[in-house]
Amino acid sequence: MPDTVRRQLLWSGMLVAGALSTGVLTGCAALQPSPRTVKISEKKLMEAIARQFPRSNRYLELFDVTLDTPRLRLMPAENRIGTQLDFTVGMPLVETRTQRGTLSLSYGLRLEPVDNTVRLTDVRLENMDLPDASPANAARFKRLGGALVQGLLPDLVVHRLKPEDLESVGRRGYQPGALRVVPGGLELQLDPLPR
């Protein structure tokens, strides 16, 4: 399951960073030497993410996982993004029935100036609901899901800013600054380059 979740998060991060790069390039024409922001709406983020689903993958040759119907939840007070997905898990070697449920993750995004990447930070499995699973199977899935999310996704690189994007912003006297979740979307602060 983490491979599919990882792909969704990678794609989400690439979308965010791509939108940021596009916004940076088109929004910098009239920049003054004071901090500026580039905004990406929640609607644009959701539209682009929704085009990538459903997604299916086999994990550990034991689980057939399908993720579908992503839903974003911006959490500006915590500077986090929540993502809820419907999923099905088939376990052909264990039982013939497919389990259905929902998976909720939350995470922050940060820009790493050392290597110009956008990374997930503080990834949490918020909830995994398997309403039709036996209590024993539901508990196993939750333990496995939590361990995999916390072990594989923190600090995951979801996008690398292109050198040409950074050069374009730099020519206008700016560099990428803080990335914030705000009501209605995301904001990237552009800070003036030190003179």
C-alpha atoms as a PDB file:
ATOM      1  CA  MET A   1       0.000   0.000   0.000  1.00  0.00           C
ATOM      2  CA  PRO A   2       2.743   2.586   0.650  1.00  0.00           C
ATOM      3  CA  ASP A   3       3.896   2.438  -2.999  1.00  0.00           C
ATOM      4  CA  THR A   4       0.473   3.595  -4.140  1.00  0.00           C
ATOM      5  CA  VAL A   5       0.173   6.159  -1.360  1.00  0.00           C
ATOM      6  CA  ARG A   6       3.728   7.286  -2.088  1.00  0.00           C
ATOM      7  CA  ARG A   7       2.883   7.759  -5.780  1.00  0.00           C
ATOM      8  CA  GLN A   8      -0.189   9.802  -4.868  1.00  0.00           C
ATOM      9  CA  LEU A   9       1.809  11.973  -2.498  1.00  0.00           C
ATOM     10  CA  LEU A  10       4.673  12.307  -4.980  1.00  0.00           C
ATOM     11  CA  TRP A  11       2.219  13.391  -7.617  1.00  0.00           C
ATOM     12  CA  SER A  12       0.546  15.782  -5.183  1.00  0.00           C
ATOM     13  CA  GLY A  13       3.905  17.303  -4.323  1.00  0.00           C
ATOM     14  CA  MET A  14       4.907  17.589  -7.981  1.00  0.00           C
ATOM     15  CA  LEU A  15       1.612  19.313  -8.675  1.00  0.00           C
ATOM     16  CA  VAL A  16       2.161  21.755  -5.821  1.00  0.00           C
ATOM     17  CA  ALA A  17       5.729  22.483  -6.848  1.00  0.00           C
ATOM     18  CA  GLY A  18       4.805  22.711 -10.530  1.00  0.00           C
ATOM     19  CA  ALA A  19       2.003  25.126  -9.759  1.00  0.00           C
ATOM     20  CA  LEU A  20       4.390  27.093  -7.576  1.00  0.00           C
ATOM     21  CA  SER A  21       6.975  27.226 -10.364  1.00  0.00           C
ATOM     22  CA  THR A  22       4.381  28.323 -12.901  1.00  0.00           C
ATOM     23  CA  GLY A  23       2.990  30.907 -10.523  1.00  0.00           C
ATOM     24  CA  VAL A  24       6.480  32.127  -9.728  1.00  0.00           C
ATOM     25  CA  LEU A  25       7.337  32.562 -13.385  1.00  0.00           C
ATOM     26  CA  THR A  26       4.118  34.300 -14.370  1.00  0.00           C
ATOM     27  CA  GLY A  27       3.666  36.254 -11.148  1.00  0.00           C
ATOM     28  CA  CYS A  28       7.100  37.826 -10.896  1.00  0.00           C
ATOM     29  CA  ALA A  29       6.913  40.375 -13.692  1.00  0.00           C
ATOM     30  CA  ALA A  30       5.932  43.251 -11.419  1.00  0.00           C
ATOM     31  CA  LEU A  31       7.809  42.241  -8.248  1.00  0.00           C
ATOM     32  CA  GLN A  32       9.256  44.947  -6.038  1.00  0.00           C
ATOM     33  CA  PRO A  33      12.153  44.410  -3.617  1.00  0.00           C
ATOM     34  CA  SER A  34       9.892  43.399  -0.729  1.00  0.00           C
ATOM     35  CA  PRO A  35       8.558  39.914   0.081  1.00  0.00           C
ATOM     36  CA  ARG A  36       5.804  38.690  -2.253  1.00  0.00           C
ATOM     37  CA  THR A  37       3.587  35.641  -2.348  1.00  0.00           C
ATOM     38  CA  VAL A  38       2.442  33.257  -5.045  1.00  0.00           C
ATOM     39  CA  LYS A  39      -0.931  31.588  -4.430  1.00  0.00           C
ATOM     40  CA  ILE A  40      -2.258  28.207  -5.609  1.00  0.00           C
ATOM     41  CA  SER A  41      -5.964  27.633  -5.058  1.00  0.00           C
ATOM     42  CA  GLU A  42      -7.375  24.557  -3.373  1.00  0.00           C
ATOM     43  CA  LYS A  43      -9.589  24.016  -6.418  1.00  0.00           C
ATOM     44  CA  LYS A  44      -6.597  23.846  -8.780  1.00  0.00           C
ATOM     45  CA  LEU A  45      -4.805  21.441  -6.462  1.00  0.00           C
ATOM     46  CA  MET A  46      -7.870  19.203  -6.210  1.00  0.00           C
ATOM     47  CA  GLU A  47      -8.571  19.200  -9.969  1.00  0.00           C
ATOM     48  CA  ALA A  48      -5.056  18.148 -10.819  1.00  0.00           C
ATOM     49  CA  ILE A  49      -4.917  15.454  -8.135  1.00  0.00           C
ATOM     50  CA  ALA A  50      -8.316  14.013  -9.094  1.00  0.00           C
ATOM     51  CA  ARG A  51      -7.103  13.361 -12.663  1.00  0.00           C
ATOM     52  CA  GLN A  52      -4.583  10.847 -11.297  1.00  0.00           C
ATOM     53  CA  PHE A  53      -7.137   8.442  -9.861  1.00  0.00           C
ATOM     54  CA  PRO A  54      -8.050   5.637  -9.529  1.00  0.00           C
ATOM     55  CA  ARG A  55      -4.603   4.126  -8.907  1.00  0.00           C
ATOM     56  CA  SER A  56      -3.895   0.424  -8.405  1.00  0.00           C
ATOM     57  CA  ASN A  57      -0.804  -1.382  -7.220  1.00  0.00           C
ATOM     58  CA  ARG A  58       0.321  -4.704  -5.787  1.00  0.00           C
ATOM     59  CA  TYR A  59       2.307  -4.405  -2.588  1.00  0.00           C
ATOM     60  CA  LEU A  60       4.691  -7.078  -1.280  1.00  0.00           C
ATOM     61  CA  GLU A  61       3.060  -9.488  -3.761  1.00  0.00           C
ATOM     62  CA  LEU A  62       0.397  -9.957  -1.072  1.00  0.00           C
ATOM     63  CA  PHE A  63      -1.964  -7.003  -1.312  1.00  0.00           C
ATOM     64  CA  ASP A  64      -3.793  -5.623  -4.334  1.00  0.00           C
ATOM     65  CA  VAL A  65      -4.540  -2.013  -3.441  1.00  0.00           C
ATOM     66  CA  THR A  66      -6.690   0.504  -5.301  1.00  0.00           C
ATOM     67  CA  LEU A  67      -6.926   4.131  -4.187  1.00  0.00           C
ATOM     68  CA  ASP A  68      -9.739   6.326  -5.461  1.00  0.00           C
ATOM     69  CA  THR A  69     -11.717   9.515  -4.829  1.00  0.00           C
ATOM     70  CA  PRO A  70      -9.094  11.746  -3.190  1.00  0.00           C
ATOM     71  CA  ARG A  71     -10.351  14.534  -0.973  1.00  0.00           C
ATOM     72  CA  LEU A  72      -8.133  17.344   0.258  1.00  0.00           C
ATOM     73  CA  ARG A  73      -8.533  19.175   3.509  1.00  0.00           C
ATOM     74  CA  LEU A  74      -6.451  22.244   4.112  1.00  0.00           C
ATOM     75  CA  MET A  75      -5.469  22.726   7.739  1.00  0.00           C
ATOM     76  CA  PRO A  76      -4.078  26.285   7.850  1.00  0.00           C
ATOM     77  CA  ALA A  77      -3.959  26.469  11.651  1.00  0.00           C
ATOM     78  CA  GLU A  78      -1.462  23.580  11.637  1.00  0.00           C
ATOM     79  CA  ASN A  79       0.135  24.411   8.250  1.00  0.00           C
ATOM     80  CA  ARG A  80      -0.784  20.909   7.055  1.00  0.00           C
ATOM     81  CA  ILE A  81      -2.683  19.190   4.263  1.00  0.00           C
ATOM     82  CA  GLY A  82      -5.014  16.272   4.857  1.00  0.00           C
ATOM     83  CA  THR A  83      -5.752  13.736   2.158  1.00  0.00           C
ATOM     84  CA  GLN A  84      -8.533  11.178   2.450  1.00  0.00           C
ATOM     85  CA  LEU A  85      -8.814   8.330  -0.048  1.00  0.00           C
ATOM     86  CA  ASP A  86     -11.207   5.479  -0.579  1.00  0.00           C
ATOM     87  CA  PHE A  87      -9.364   2.186  -0.934  1.00  0.00           C
ATOM     88  CA  THR A  88      -9.886  -1.470  -1.595  1.00  0.00           C
ATOM     89  CA  VAL A  89      -7.438  -4.138  -0.507  1.00  0.00           C
ATOM     90  CA  GLY A  90      -7.517  -7.650  -1.842  1.00  0.00           C
ATOM     91  CA  MET A  91      -5.492 -10.331  -0.100  1.00  0.00           C
ATOM     92  CA  PRO A  92      -5.573 -13.249  -2.521  1.00  0.00           C
ATOM     93  CA  LEU A  93      -3.319 -15.467  -0.383  1.00  0.00           C
ATOM     94  CA  VAL A  94      -5.116 -14.820   2.908  1.00  0.00           C
ATOM     95  CA  GLU A  95      -8.772 -14.485   2.053  1.00  0.00           C
ATOM     96  CA  THR A  96     -10.844 -14.126  -1.072  1.00  0.00           C
ATOM     97  CA  ARG A  97     -12.886 -11.138   0.051  1.00  0.00           C
ATOM     98  CA  THR A  98     -11.876  -7.593  -0.823  1.00  0.00           C
ATOM     99  CA  GLN A  99     -11.735  -5.128   2.056  1.00  0.00           C
ATOM    100  CA  ARG A 100     -13.001  -1.588   1.470  1.00  0.00           C
ATOM    101  CA  GLY A 101     -12.347   1.485   3.538  1.00  0.00           C
ATOM    102  CA  THR A 102     -10.946   4.977   3.804  1.00  0.00           C
ATOM    103  CA  LEU A 103      -7.440   6.150   4.542  1.00  0.00           C
ATOM    104  CA  SER A 104      -6.670   9.611   5.949  1.00  0.00           C
ATOM    105  CA  LEU A 105      -3.189  11.114   5.977  1.00  0.00           C
ATOM    106  CA  SER A 106      -1.940  14.519   6.980  1.00  0.00           C
ATOM    107  CA  TYR A 107       1.400  16.098   6.264  1.00  0.00           C
ATOM    108  CA  GLY A 108       3.247  19.351   5.960  1.00  0.00           C
ATOM    109  CA  LEU A 109       5.250  20.543   2.985  1.00  0.00           C
ATOM    110  CA  ARG A 110       8.577  22.309   3.225  1.00  0.00           C
ATOM    111  CA  LEU A 111      11.103  23.729   0.827  1.00  0.00           C
ATOM    112  CA  GLU A 112      14.638  22.472   1.364  1.00  0.00           C
ATOM    113  CA  PRO A 113      16.975  25.180   0.055  1.00  0.00           C
ATOM    114  CA  VAL A 114      20.070  22.969   0.230  1.00  0.00           C
ATOM    115  CA  ASP A 115      18.888  20.836  -2.707  1.00  0.00           C
ATOM    116  CA  ASN A 116      15.868  22.897  -3.929  1.00  0.00           C
ATOM    117  CA  THR A 117      13.311  20.216  -3.139  1.00  0.00           C
ATOM    118  CA  VAL A 118       9.767  20.178  -1.819  1.00  0.00           C
ATOM    119  CA  ARG A 119       9.499  17.516   0.890  1.00  0.00           C
ATOM    120  CA  LEU A 120       6.799  15.966   3.004  1.00  0.00           C
ATOM    121  CA  THR A 121       7.252  16.588   6.657  1.00  0.00           C
ATOM    122  CA  ASP A 122       5.632  15.141   9.767  1.00  0.00           C
ATOM    123  CA  VAL A 123       3.523  12.570   7.873  1.00  0.00           C
ATOM    124  CA  ARG A 124       0.787  10.987   9.956  1.00  0.00           C
ATOM    125  CA  LEU A 125      -1.727   8.259   9.333  1.00  0.00           C
ATOM    126  CA  GLU A 126      -4.745   9.961  10.852  1.00  0.00           C
ATOM    127  CA  ASN A 127      -7.287   7.219  10.319  1.00  0.00           C
ATOM    128  CA  MET A 128      -7.840   3.936   8.535  1.00  0.00           C
ATOM    129  CA  ASP A 129     -11.398   2.744   8.506  1.00  0.00           C
ATOM    130  CA  LEU A 130     -12.297  -0.787   7.337  1.00  0.00           C
ATOM    131  CA  PRO A 131     -15.986  -1.076   8.190  1.00  0.00           C
ATOM    132  CA  ASP A 132     -16.441  -4.611   6.785  1.00  0.00           C
ATOM    133  CA  ALA A 133     -13.208  -6.123   8.116  1.00  0.00           C
ATOM    134  CA  SER A 134     -13.073  -8.354  11.140  1.00  0.00           C
ATOM    135  CA  PRO A 135     -11.680  -6.570  14.191  1.00  0.00           C
ATOM    136  CA  ALA A 136      -8.479  -8.646  13.969  1.00  0.00           C
ATOM    137  CA  ASN A 137      -7.897  -7.799  10.282  1.00  0.00           C
ATOM    138  CA  ALA A 138      -8.756  -4.124  10.822  1.00  0.00           C
ATOM    139  CA  ALA A 139      -6.231  -3.921  13.675  1.00  0.00           C
ATOM    140  CA  ARG A 140      -3.535  -5.588  11.520  1.00  0.00           C
ATOM    141  CA  PHE A 141      -4.161  -3.194   8.642  1.00  0.00           C
ATOM    142  CA  LYS A 142      -4.011  -0.175  10.936  1.00  0.00           C
ATOM    143  CA  ARG A 143      -0.734  -1.292  12.517  1.00  0.00           C
ATOM    144  CA  LEU A 144       0.803  -2.046   9.118  1.00  0.00           C
ATOM    145  CA  GLY A 145      -0.494   1.183   7.573  1.00  0.00           C
ATOM    146  CA  GLY A 146       0.743   3.338  10.445  1.00  0.00           C
ATOM    147  CA  ALA A 147       4.195   1.747  10.504  1.00  0.00           C
ATOM    148  CA  LEU A 148       4.605   2.066   6.746  1.00  0.00           C
ATOM    149  CA  VAL A 149       3.416   5.668   6.560  1.00  0.00           C
ATOM    150  CA  GLN A 150       5.631   6.787   9.428  1.00  0.00           C
ATOM    151  CA  GLY A 151       8.599   4.752   8.223  1.00  0.00           C
ATOM    152  CA  LEU A 152       8.553   5.439   4.490  1.00  0.00           C
ATOM    153  CA  LEU A 153       7.048   8.855   3.879  1.00  0.00           C
ATOM    154  CA  PRO A 154       8.702  11.383   6.227  1.00  0.00           C
ATOM    155  CA  ASP A 155      11.082  13.747   4.418  1.00  0.00           C
ATOM    156  CA  LEU A 156      10.040  12.203   1.092  1.00  0.00           C
ATOM    157  CA  VAL A 157      11.091  14.384  -1.857  1.00  0.00           C
ATOM    158  CA  VAL A 158       7.935  15.148  -3.827  1.00  0.00           C
ATOM    159  CA  HIS A 159       9.418  17.656  -6.251  1.00  0.00           C
ATOM    160  CA  ARG A 160      12.724  19.164  -7.245  1.00  0.00           C
ATOM    161  CA  LEU A 161      12.600  22.794  -8.352  1.00  0.00           C
ATOM    162  CA  LYS A 162      14.072  23.255 -11.820  1.00  0.00           C
ATOM    163  CA  PRO A 163      17.255  25.316 -12.070  1.00  0.00           C
ATOM    164  CA  GLU A 164      15.660  27.484 -14.774  1.00  0.00           C
ATOM    165  CA  ASP A 165      12.748  28.337 -12.457  1.00  0.00           C
ATOM    166  CA  LEU A 166      15.134  29.373  -9.707  1.00  0.00           C
ATOM    167  CA  GLU A 167      17.244  31.368 -12.178  1.00  0.00           C
ATOM    168  CA  SER A 168      14.160  33.205 -13.450  1.00  0.00           C
ATOM    169  CA  VAL A 169      13.111  34.148  -9.929  1.00  0.00           C
ATOM    170  CA  GLY A 170      16.708  35.033  -9.056  1.00  0.00           C
ATOM    171  CA  ARG A 171      17.009  37.372 -12.055  1.00  0.00           C
ATOM    172  CA  ARG A 172      14.066  39.283 -10.608  1.00  0.00           C
ATOM    173  CA  GLY A 173      15.868  39.545  -7.265  1.00  0.00           C
ATOM    174  CA  TYR A 174      13.979  36.838  -5.346  1.00  0.00           C
ATOM    175  CA  GLN A 175      14.386  33.399  -3.872  1.00  0.00           C
ATOM    176  CA  PRO A 176      11.758  30.895  -2.665  1.00  0.00           C
ATOM    177  CA  GLY A 177      10.909  31.280   1.011  1.00  0.00           C
ATOM    178  CA  ALA A 178       8.313  29.752   3.292  1.00  0.00           C
ATOM    179  CA  LEU A 179       5.553  27.508   1.944  1.00  0.00           C
ATOM    180  CA  ARG A 180       2.299  27.878   3.894  1.00  0.00           C
ATOM    181  CA  VAL A 181      -1.117  26.279   3.868  1.00  0.00           C
ATOM    182  CA  VAL A 182      -3.652  29.102   4.018  1.00  0.00           C
ATOM    183  CA  PRO A 183      -7.453  29.221   3.802  1.00  0.00           C
ATOM    184  CA  GLY A 184      -8.295  28.432   0.186  1.00  0.00           C
ATOM    185  CA  GLY A 185      -4.920  27.079  -0.927  1.00  0.00           C
ATOM    186  CA  LEU A 186      -1.170  27.404  -0.598  1.00  0.00           C
ATOM    187  CA  GLU A 187       1.151  30.397  -0.544  1.00  0.00           C
ATOM    188  CA  LEU A 188       4.817  30.489  -1.397  1.00  0.00           C
ATOM    189  CA  GLN A 189       6.635  33.500  -0.062  1.00  0.00           C
ATOM    190  CA  LEU A 190       9.269  35.000  -2.340  1.00  0.00           C
ATOM    191  CA  ASP A 191      12.011  36.676  -0.347  1.00  0.00           C
ATOM    192  CA  PRO A 192      14.330  39.345  -1.770  1.00  0.00           C
ATOM    193  CA  LEU A 193      17.831  38.067  -2.409  1.00  0.00           C
ATOM    194  CA  PRO A 194      20.398  39.426   0.046  1.00  0.00           C
ATOM    195  CA  ARG A 195      22.218  42.359  -1.506  1.00  0.00           C
END
